[in-house]
Amino acid sequence: MPVTYIEYEDATPEVRAVYDDIMATRKTDWINNFWKALAQDPATLRRTWEAVKEIMAPGALDSLTKEMIYIAISATNQCGYCVATHSAAARKAGMTDEMFGELMAVVGLANQNNGLAAGYRVEVDEKFR
């Protein structure tokens, strides 16, 4: 089924309220396609935006660390859209080309070794329990 993007001018007041919050929070004047797609279901749009605001805000982990974790998981899940958008956010937060390269090396290594450990059914060592 083809995706429908809900533009601001076509949005319901409920969707516009979320769009307005996204733009104010992110200090931008546009809404990206992820949010426009989710706007087909206003409850999912609102719930997802609230989770993003809460979880991606600085806390025990800083914003750059959170964005890099998000990139790593997105690369593993092969979500090119999420890799692109969160790479832009991470770069804005200070990620360099060298940091991105190391991150992708860790992602590749972890995926390889996770597969090996799972395939060999390696038991967790007693010292790690």
C-alpha atoms as a PDB file:
ATOM      1  CA  MET A   1       0.000   0.000   0.000  1.00  0.00           C
ATOM      2  CA  PRO A   2       1.532   3.353  -0.962  1.00  0.00           C
ATOM      3  CA  VAL A   3       2.293   5.710   1.870  1.00  0.00           C
ATOM      4  CA  THR A   4       0.363   8.933   2.216  1.00  0.00           C
ATOM      5  CA  TYR A   5       2.144  11.967   3.596  1.00  0.00           C
ATOM      6  CA  ILE A   6      -0.056  14.410   5.494  1.00  0.00           C
ATOM      7  CA  GLU A   7       1.139  17.936   4.765  1.00  0.00           C
ATOM      8  CA  TYR A   8       0.673  20.657   7.366  1.00  0.00           C
ATOM      9  CA  GLU A   9      -1.974  22.482   5.368  1.00  0.00           C
ATOM     10  CA  ASP A  10      -3.996  19.248   4.992  1.00  0.00           C
ATOM     11  CA  ALA A  11      -3.624  18.143   8.607  1.00  0.00           C
ATOM     12  CA  THR A  12      -6.338  18.000  11.219  1.00  0.00           C
ATOM     13  CA  PRO A  13      -6.025  20.321  14.218  1.00  0.00           C
ATOM     14  CA  GLU A  14      -4.820  17.351  16.309  1.00  0.00           C
ATOM     15  CA  VAL A  15      -2.039  16.562  13.822  1.00  0.00           C
ATOM     16  CA  ARG A  16      -1.135  20.239  13.426  1.00  0.00           C
ATOM     17  CA  ALA A  17      -0.679  20.501  17.190  1.00  0.00           C
ATOM     18  CA  VAL A  18       1.885  17.678  17.086  1.00  0.00           C
ATOM     19  CA  TYR A  19       3.572  19.179  14.016  1.00  0.00           C
ATOM     20  CA  ASP A  20       3.772  22.546  15.799  1.00  0.00           C
ATOM     21  CA  ASP A  21       5.388  20.887  18.817  1.00  0.00           C
ATOM     22  CA  ILE A  22       7.875  19.034  16.615  1.00  0.00           C
ATOM     23  CA  MET A  23       8.874  22.257  14.856  1.00  0.00           C
ATOM     24  CA  ALA A  24       9.129  24.220  18.105  1.00  0.00           C
ATOM     25  CA  THR A  25      11.117  21.512  19.886  1.00  0.00           C
ATOM     26  CA  ARG A  26      13.484  20.987  16.970  1.00  0.00           C
ATOM     27  CA  LYS A  27      13.678  24.686  16.098  1.00  0.00           C
ATOM     28  CA  THR A  28      12.798  24.047  12.470  1.00  0.00           C
ATOM     29  CA  ASP A  29      10.181  25.208  10.002  1.00  0.00           C
ATOM     30  CA  TRP A  30       9.398  21.865   8.342  1.00  0.00           C
ATOM     31  CA  ILE A  31       8.142  18.371   9.133  1.00  0.00           C
ATOM     32  CA  ASN A  32       9.991  15.359   7.779  1.00  0.00           C
ATOM     33  CA  ASN A  33       8.374  12.448   5.979  1.00  0.00           C
ATOM     34  CA  PHE A  34       8.438  10.085   8.977  1.00  0.00           C
ATOM     35  CA  TRP A  35       6.040  12.298  10.903  1.00  0.00           C
ATOM     36  CA  LYS A  36       3.930  13.013   7.808  1.00  0.00           C
ATOM     37  CA  ALA A  37       3.497   9.270   7.278  1.00  0.00           C
ATOM     38  CA  LEU A  38       2.588   8.632  10.920  1.00  0.00           C
ATOM     39  CA  ALA A  39       0.020  11.434  10.736  1.00  0.00           C
ATOM     40  CA  GLN A  40      -2.304   8.979   8.980  1.00  0.00           C
ATOM     41  CA  ASP A  41      -2.946   7.729  12.515  1.00  0.00           C
ATOM     42  CA  PRO A  42      -2.943  10.765  14.830  1.00  0.00           C
ATOM     43  CA  ALA A  43      -2.773   8.626  17.999  1.00  0.00           C
ATOM     44  CA  THR A  44       0.379   6.875  16.750  1.00  0.00           C
ATOM     45  CA  LEU A  45       1.858  10.208  15.690  1.00  0.00           C
ATOM     46  CA  ARG A  46       1.258  11.765  19.108  1.00  0.00           C
ATOM     47  CA  ARG A  47       2.398   8.692  21.073  1.00  0.00           C
ATOM     48  CA  THR A  48       5.578   8.288  19.007  1.00  0.00           C
ATOM     49  CA  TRP A  49       6.480  11.988  19.235  1.00  0.00           C
ATOM     50  CA  GLU A  50       5.989  11.984  23.014  1.00  0.00           C
ATOM     51  CA  ALA A  51       8.259   8.924  23.315  1.00  0.00           C
ATOM     52  CA  VAL A  52      10.922  10.541  21.120  1.00  0.00           C
ATOM     53  CA  LYS A  53      10.879  13.738  23.184  1.00  0.00           C
ATOM     54  CA  GLU A  54      11.193  11.811  26.435  1.00  0.00           C
ATOM     55  CA  ILE A  55      13.734   9.166  25.441  1.00  0.00           C
ATOM     56  CA  MET A  56      15.995  11.198  23.160  1.00  0.00           C
ATOM     57  CA  ALA A  57      16.298  14.135  25.582  1.00  0.00           C
ATOM     58  CA  PRO A  58      19.622  14.428  27.393  1.00  0.00           C
ATOM     59  CA  GLY A  59      19.724  12.340  30.538  1.00  0.00           C
ATOM     60  CA  ALA A  60      22.300   9.915  31.914  1.00  0.00           C
ATOM     61  CA  LEU A  61      23.344   9.594  28.253  1.00  0.00           C
ATOM     62  CA  ASP A  62      24.026  12.746  26.269  1.00  0.00           C
ATOM     63  CA  SER A  63      22.254  13.491  22.988  1.00  0.00           C
ATOM     64  CA  LEU A  64      25.223  12.487  20.810  1.00  0.00           C
ATOM     65  CA  THR A  65      25.500   9.086  22.484  1.00  0.00           C
ATOM     66  CA  LYS A  66      21.769   8.488  22.072  1.00  0.00           C
ATOM     67  CA  GLU A  67      21.872   9.474  18.397  1.00  0.00           C
ATOM     68  CA  MET A  68      24.840   7.165  17.769  1.00  0.00           C
ATOM     69  CA  ILE A  69      23.050   4.266  19.459  1.00  0.00           C
ATOM     70  CA  TYR A  70      20.029   5.004  17.290  1.00  0.00           C
ATOM     71  CA  ILE A  71      22.235   4.958  14.162  1.00  0.00           C
ATOM     72  CA  ALA A  72      23.763   1.625  15.188  1.00  0.00           C
ATOM     73  CA  ILE A  73      20.390  -0.024  15.668  1.00  0.00           C
ATOM     74  CA  SER A  74      19.021   1.529  12.479  1.00  0.00           C
ATOM     75  CA  ALA A  75      21.990   0.216  10.495  1.00  0.00           C
ATOM     76  CA  THR A  76      21.454  -3.248  11.950  1.00  0.00           C
ATOM     77  CA  ASN A  77      17.734  -3.082  11.116  1.00  0.00           C
ATOM     78  CA  GLN A  78      18.598  -1.729   7.644  1.00  0.00           C
ATOM     79  CA  CYS A  79      16.472   1.407   8.011  1.00  0.00           C
ATOM     80  CA  GLY A  80      18.159   3.787   5.609  1.00  0.00           C
ATOM     81  CA  TYR A  81      15.735   6.553   6.488  1.00  0.00           C
ATOM     82  CA  CYS A  82      16.590   6.363  10.192  1.00  0.00           C
ATOM     83  CA  VAL A  83      20.333   6.109   9.511  1.00  0.00           C
ATOM     84  CA  ALA A  84      20.128   9.278   7.408  1.00  0.00           C
ATOM     85  CA  THR A  85      18.012  11.328   9.796  1.00  0.00           C
ATOM     86  CA  HIS A  86      19.822  10.305  12.963  1.00  0.00           C
ATOM     87  CA  SER A  87      23.212  10.726  11.293  1.00  0.00           C
ATOM     88  CA  ALA A  88      22.224  14.318  10.552  1.00  0.00           C
ATOM     89  CA  ALA A  89      21.180  14.794  14.190  1.00  0.00           C
ATOM     90  CA  ALA A  90      24.394  13.175  15.442  1.00  0.00           C
ATOM     91  CA  ARG A  91      26.519  15.373  13.199  1.00  0.00           C
ATOM     92  CA  LYS A  92      24.683  18.406  14.533  1.00  0.00           C
ATOM     93  CA  ALA A  93      25.532  17.140  18.056  1.00  0.00           C
ATOM     94  CA  GLY A  94      29.225  16.771  17.173  1.00  0.00           C
ATOM     95  CA  MET A  95      29.735  13.397  15.476  1.00  0.00           C
ATOM     96  CA  THR A  96      32.718  13.463  13.118  1.00  0.00           C
ATOM     97  CA  ASP A  97      33.410  11.287  10.072  1.00  0.00           C
ATOM     98  CA  GLU A  98      35.938   9.362  12.170  1.00  0.00           C
ATOM     99  CA  MET A  99      33.369   8.719  14.894  1.00  0.00           C
ATOM    100  CA  PHE A 100      30.853   7.503  12.310  1.00  0.00           C
ATOM    101  CA  GLY A 101      33.456   5.173  10.809  1.00  0.00           C
ATOM    102  CA  GLU A 102      34.292   3.666  14.183  1.00  0.00           C
ATOM    103  CA  LEU A 103      30.611   3.339  14.995  1.00  0.00           C
ATOM    104  CA  MET A 104      29.980   1.382  11.785  1.00  0.00           C
ATOM    105  CA  ALA A 105      32.998  -0.823  12.552  1.00  0.00           C
ATOM    106  CA  VAL A 106      31.555  -1.640  15.981  1.00  0.00           C
ATOM    107  CA  VAL A 107      28.124  -2.310  14.436  1.00  0.00           C
ATOM    108  CA  GLY A 108      29.653  -4.698  11.904  1.00  0.00           C
ATOM    109  CA  LEU A 109      31.737  -6.464  14.537  1.00  0.00           C
ATOM    110  CA  ALA A 110      28.830  -6.813  16.956  1.00  0.00           C
ATOM    111  CA  ASN A 111      26.512  -8.169  14.259  1.00  0.00           C
ATOM    112  CA  GLN A 112      29.137 -10.666  13.147  1.00  0.00           C
ATOM    113  CA  ASN A 113      29.975 -11.835  16.660  1.00  0.00           C
ATOM    114  CA  ASN A 114      26.309 -11.908  17.736  1.00  0.00           C
ATOM    115  CA  GLY A 115      25.634 -14.234  14.821  1.00  0.00           C
ATOM    116  CA  LEU A 116      28.568 -16.439  15.719  1.00  0.00           C
ATOM    117  CA  ALA A 117      27.613 -16.640  19.397  1.00  0.00           C
ATOM    118  CA  ALA A 118      23.991 -17.386  18.503  1.00  0.00           C
ATOM    119  CA  GLY A 119      24.904 -19.927  15.835  1.00  0.00           C
ATOM    120  CA  TYR A 120      27.333 -21.778  18.093  1.00  0.00           C
ATOM    121  CA  ARG A 121      24.859 -21.438  20.988  1.00  0.00           C
ATOM    122  CA  VAL A 122      27.613 -20.196  23.267  1.00  0.00           C
ATOM    123  CA  GLU A 123      26.598 -20.327  26.915  1.00  0.00           C
ATOM    124  CA  VAL A 124      27.197 -17.244  29.058  1.00  0.00           C
ATOM    125  CA  ASP A 125      30.230 -17.714  31.304  1.00  0.00           C
ATOM    126  CA  GLU A 126      29.474 -18.000  35.021  1.00  0.00           C
ATOM    127  CA  LYS A 127      31.593 -14.885  35.707  1.00  0.00           C
ATOM    128  CA  PHE A 128      29.277 -12.790  33.511  1.00  0.00           C
ATOM    129  CA  ARG A 129      26.047 -13.828  35.252  1.00  0.00           C
END
